[in-house]
Amino acid sequence: DREAGSELDLERNRAFPAVATQDIRIGVALSACREAYNQNGGARTQFQLARVLERAGERLKSLRILGEAAQNGHALAMAVYGTRLAERGEPEAAFELYQRAASEGNRAAAQYLAAAYRDGVGTRVDGVLAAHWLERAKTNDLQ
């Protein structure tokens, strides 16, 4: 968490300040995150390692590990992985991940879900649901 904790990650250890992507110290963070990952650190550790790998330019490795974190239930990983799936032409899978993560209280996922309803990404266009999810994300009313 000290080297790669995202400000958007509600599961991160709040004893350490969040680390902006551009401020990740790749060498230190990669070493720490890989060690934690190798010790079966769980979905949060997987998400953080994926962040560091992305920052280091290792996009394919990052995507694989981000997928692991999403599959293991990390809400922010689901939201981010959903955007990667949408970019790869898998909008229905992305939409499903946005729904799961938003239902778990993730604000970024609620915003992505609102945009998906607005634009018809993986679902039908629905302005009412788009407005509903955008409002929930703004008011933090996600429980």
Protein backbone atom coordinates (compact mmCIF):
# COMPACT_ATOMS: atom_id res chain seq x y z
CA ASP A 1 0.00 0.00 0.00
CA ARG A 2 2.86 2.38 0.75
CA GLU A 3 4.31 2.06 -2.77
CA ALA A 4 1.26 1.53 -5.00
CA GLY A 5 -1.99 2.23 -3.13
CA SER A 6 -4.50 4.03 -5.36
CA GLU A 7 -6.61 6.88 -4.00
CA LEU A 8 -9.62 5.23 -5.69
CA ASP A 9 -9.05 1.91 -3.93
CA LEU A 10 -11.42 1.72 -0.99
CA GLU A 11 -9.65 -1.43 0.20
CA ARG A 12 -6.17 0.07 0.52
CA ASN A 13 -4.49 0.54 3.90
CA ARG A 14 -5.31 4.14 4.88
CA ALA A 15 -2.28 4.28 7.18
CA PHE A 16 -0.31 5.17 4.04
CA PRO A 17 -1.04 8.06 1.69
CA ALA A 18 -2.31 7.19 -1.77
CA VAL A 19 0.24 7.09 -4.58
CA ALA A 20 -0.64 8.77 -7.87
CA THR A 21 0.21 6.65 -10.90
CA GLN A 22 2.90 9.06 -12.08
CA ASP A 23 4.50 9.00 -8.61
CA ILE A 24 4.93 5.23 -8.42
CA ARG A 25 8.62 4.47 -7.89
CA ILE A 26 8.79 1.55 -10.28
CA GLY A 27 11.82 -0.29 -8.88
CA VAL A 28 10.78 -0.20 -5.24
CA ALA A 29 7.08 -0.73 -5.94
CA LEU A 30 7.66 -3.56 -8.39
CA SER A 31 9.88 -5.40 -5.93
CA ALA A 32 7.43 -4.97 -3.04
CA CYS A 33 4.34 -5.84 -5.07
CA ARG A 34 5.91 -8.89 -6.71
CA GLU A 35 7.00 -10.20 -3.33
CA ALA A 36 3.50 -9.75 -1.91
CA TYR A 37 1.96 -11.30 -5.04
CA ASN A 38 4.26 -14.31 -4.83
CA GLN A 39 3.18 -14.80 -1.22
CA ASN A 40 -0.48 -14.98 -2.36
CA GLY A 41 -1.29 -11.47 -1.19
CA GLY A 42 -4.83 -11.54 -2.56
CA ALA A 43 -6.86 -9.37 -4.90
CA ARG A 44 -5.66 -6.02 -3.53
CA THR A 45 -2.04 -7.05 -4.01
CA GLN A 46 -2.85 -8.26 -7.52
CA PHE A 47 -4.43 -4.90 -8.32
CA GLN A 48 -1.42 -2.99 -7.02
CA LEU A 49 1.04 -5.15 -8.95
CA ALA A 50 -1.02 -4.58 -12.10
CA ARG A 51 -0.84 -0.81 -11.49
CA VAL A 52 2.92 -0.90 -11.14
CA LEU A 53 3.36 -3.10 -14.21
CA GLU A 54 1.18 -0.71 -16.22
CA ARG A 55 3.33 2.20 -15.03
CA ALA A 56 6.45 0.24 -16.00
CA GLY A 57 5.10 -0.23 -19.52
CA GLU A 58 4.41 -3.94 -19.15
CA ARG A 59 0.84 -3.68 -20.39
CA LEU A 60 0.20 -7.36 -21.22
CA LYS A 61 1.45 -8.59 -17.83
CA SER A 62 -0.54 -5.83 -16.17
CA LEU A 63 -3.71 -6.83 -18.01
CA ARG A 64 -3.35 -10.50 -17.03
CA ILE A 65 -2.86 -9.70 -13.35
CA LEU A 66 -5.59 -7.05 -13.40
CA GLY A 67 -7.91 -9.78 -14.71
CA GLU A 68 -6.91 -11.99 -11.77
CA ALA A 69 -7.71 -9.21 -9.31
CA ALA A 70 -11.07 -8.59 -10.98
CA GLN A 71 -11.91 -12.30 -10.94
CA ASN A 72 -10.98 -12.40 -7.26
CA GLY A 73 -13.48 -9.66 -6.45
CA HIS A 74 -11.44 -6.47 -6.17
CA ALA A 75 -14.00 -3.78 -7.08
CA LEU A 76 -11.61 -1.19 -8.51
CA ALA A 77 -9.83 -3.89 -10.51
CA MET A 78 -13.21 -4.88 -11.95
CA ALA A 79 -13.85 -1.30 -13.04
CA VAL A 80 -10.41 -0.82 -14.58
CA TYR A 81 -10.39 -4.26 -16.20
CA GLY A 82 -13.83 -3.49 -17.60
CA THR A 83 -12.43 -0.44 -19.39
CA ARG A 84 -9.64 -2.58 -20.84
CA LEU A 85 -12.20 -5.12 -22.07
CA ALA A 86 -14.28 -2.38 -23.66
CA GLU A 87 -11.15 -1.09 -25.43
CA ARG A 88 -10.56 -4.63 -26.73
CA GLY A 89 -14.07 -4.89 -28.16
CA GLU A 90 -15.74 -6.79 -25.31
CA PRO A 91 -18.40 -4.27 -24.19
CA GLU A 92 -20.81 -6.81 -22.67
CA ALA A 93 -18.10 -8.22 -20.39
CA ALA A 94 -17.09 -4.68 -19.45
CA PHE A 95 -20.67 -3.75 -18.61
CA GLU A 96 -21.04 -6.81 -16.39
CA LEU A 97 -17.90 -5.87 -14.45
CA TYR A 98 -19.08 -2.27 -14.06
CA GLN A 99 -22.37 -3.53 -12.63
CA ARG A 100 -20.66 -5.86 -10.14
CA ALA A 101 -18.16 -3.25 -8.98
CA ALA A 102 -20.76 -0.46 -8.71
CA SER A 103 -23.00 -2.73 -6.66
CA GLU A 104 -20.04 -3.21 -4.31
CA GLY A 105 -19.77 0.53 -3.80
CA ASN A 106 -17.01 1.53 -6.20
CA ARG A 107 -17.48 5.13 -7.39
CA ALA A 108 -15.33 4.77 -10.51
CA ALA A 109 -17.39 1.76 -11.57
CA ALA A 110 -20.60 3.71 -10.98
CA GLN A 111 -19.28 6.44 -13.26
CA TYR A 112 -18.29 3.89 -15.92
CA LEU A 113 -21.70 2.24 -15.58
CA ALA A 114 -23.41 5.60 -16.06
CA ALA A 115 -21.33 6.20 -19.21
CA ALA A 116 -22.16 2.70 -20.48
CA TYR A 117 -25.88 3.38 -20.12
CA ARG A 118 -25.45 6.81 -21.68
CA ASP A 119 -23.48 5.51 -24.68
CA GLY A 120 -24.94 2.02 -25.02
CA VAL A 121 -21.67 0.21 -24.23
CA GLY A 122 -22.57 -3.42 -23.59
CA THR A 123 -26.19 -2.51 -22.97
CA ARG A 124 -29.02 -0.47 -24.42
CA VAL A 125 -28.92 3.32 -24.17
CA ASP A 126 -30.88 4.34 -21.09
CA GLY A 127 -30.70 7.97 -20.02
CA VAL A 128 -32.64 7.36 -16.81
CA LEU A 129 -30.23 4.68 -15.58
CA ALA A 130 -27.26 6.75 -16.74
CA ALA A 131 -28.46 9.68 -14.65
CA HIS A 132 -29.26 7.39 -11.72
CA TRP A 133 -25.74 5.89 -11.60
CA LEU A 134 -24.03 9.20 -12.16
CA GLU A 135 -25.96 10.72 -9.27
CA ARG A 136 -25.15 7.76 -7.04
CA ALA A 137 -21.46 8.13 -7.88
CA LYS A 138 -21.52 11.86 -7.12
CA THR A 139 -23.34 11.51 -3.82
CA ASN A 140 -21.39 8.40 -2.82
CA ASP A 141 -24.73 6.65 -2.32
CA LEU A 142 -23.54 3.27 -3.50
CA GLN A 143 -24.50 0.95 -0.69
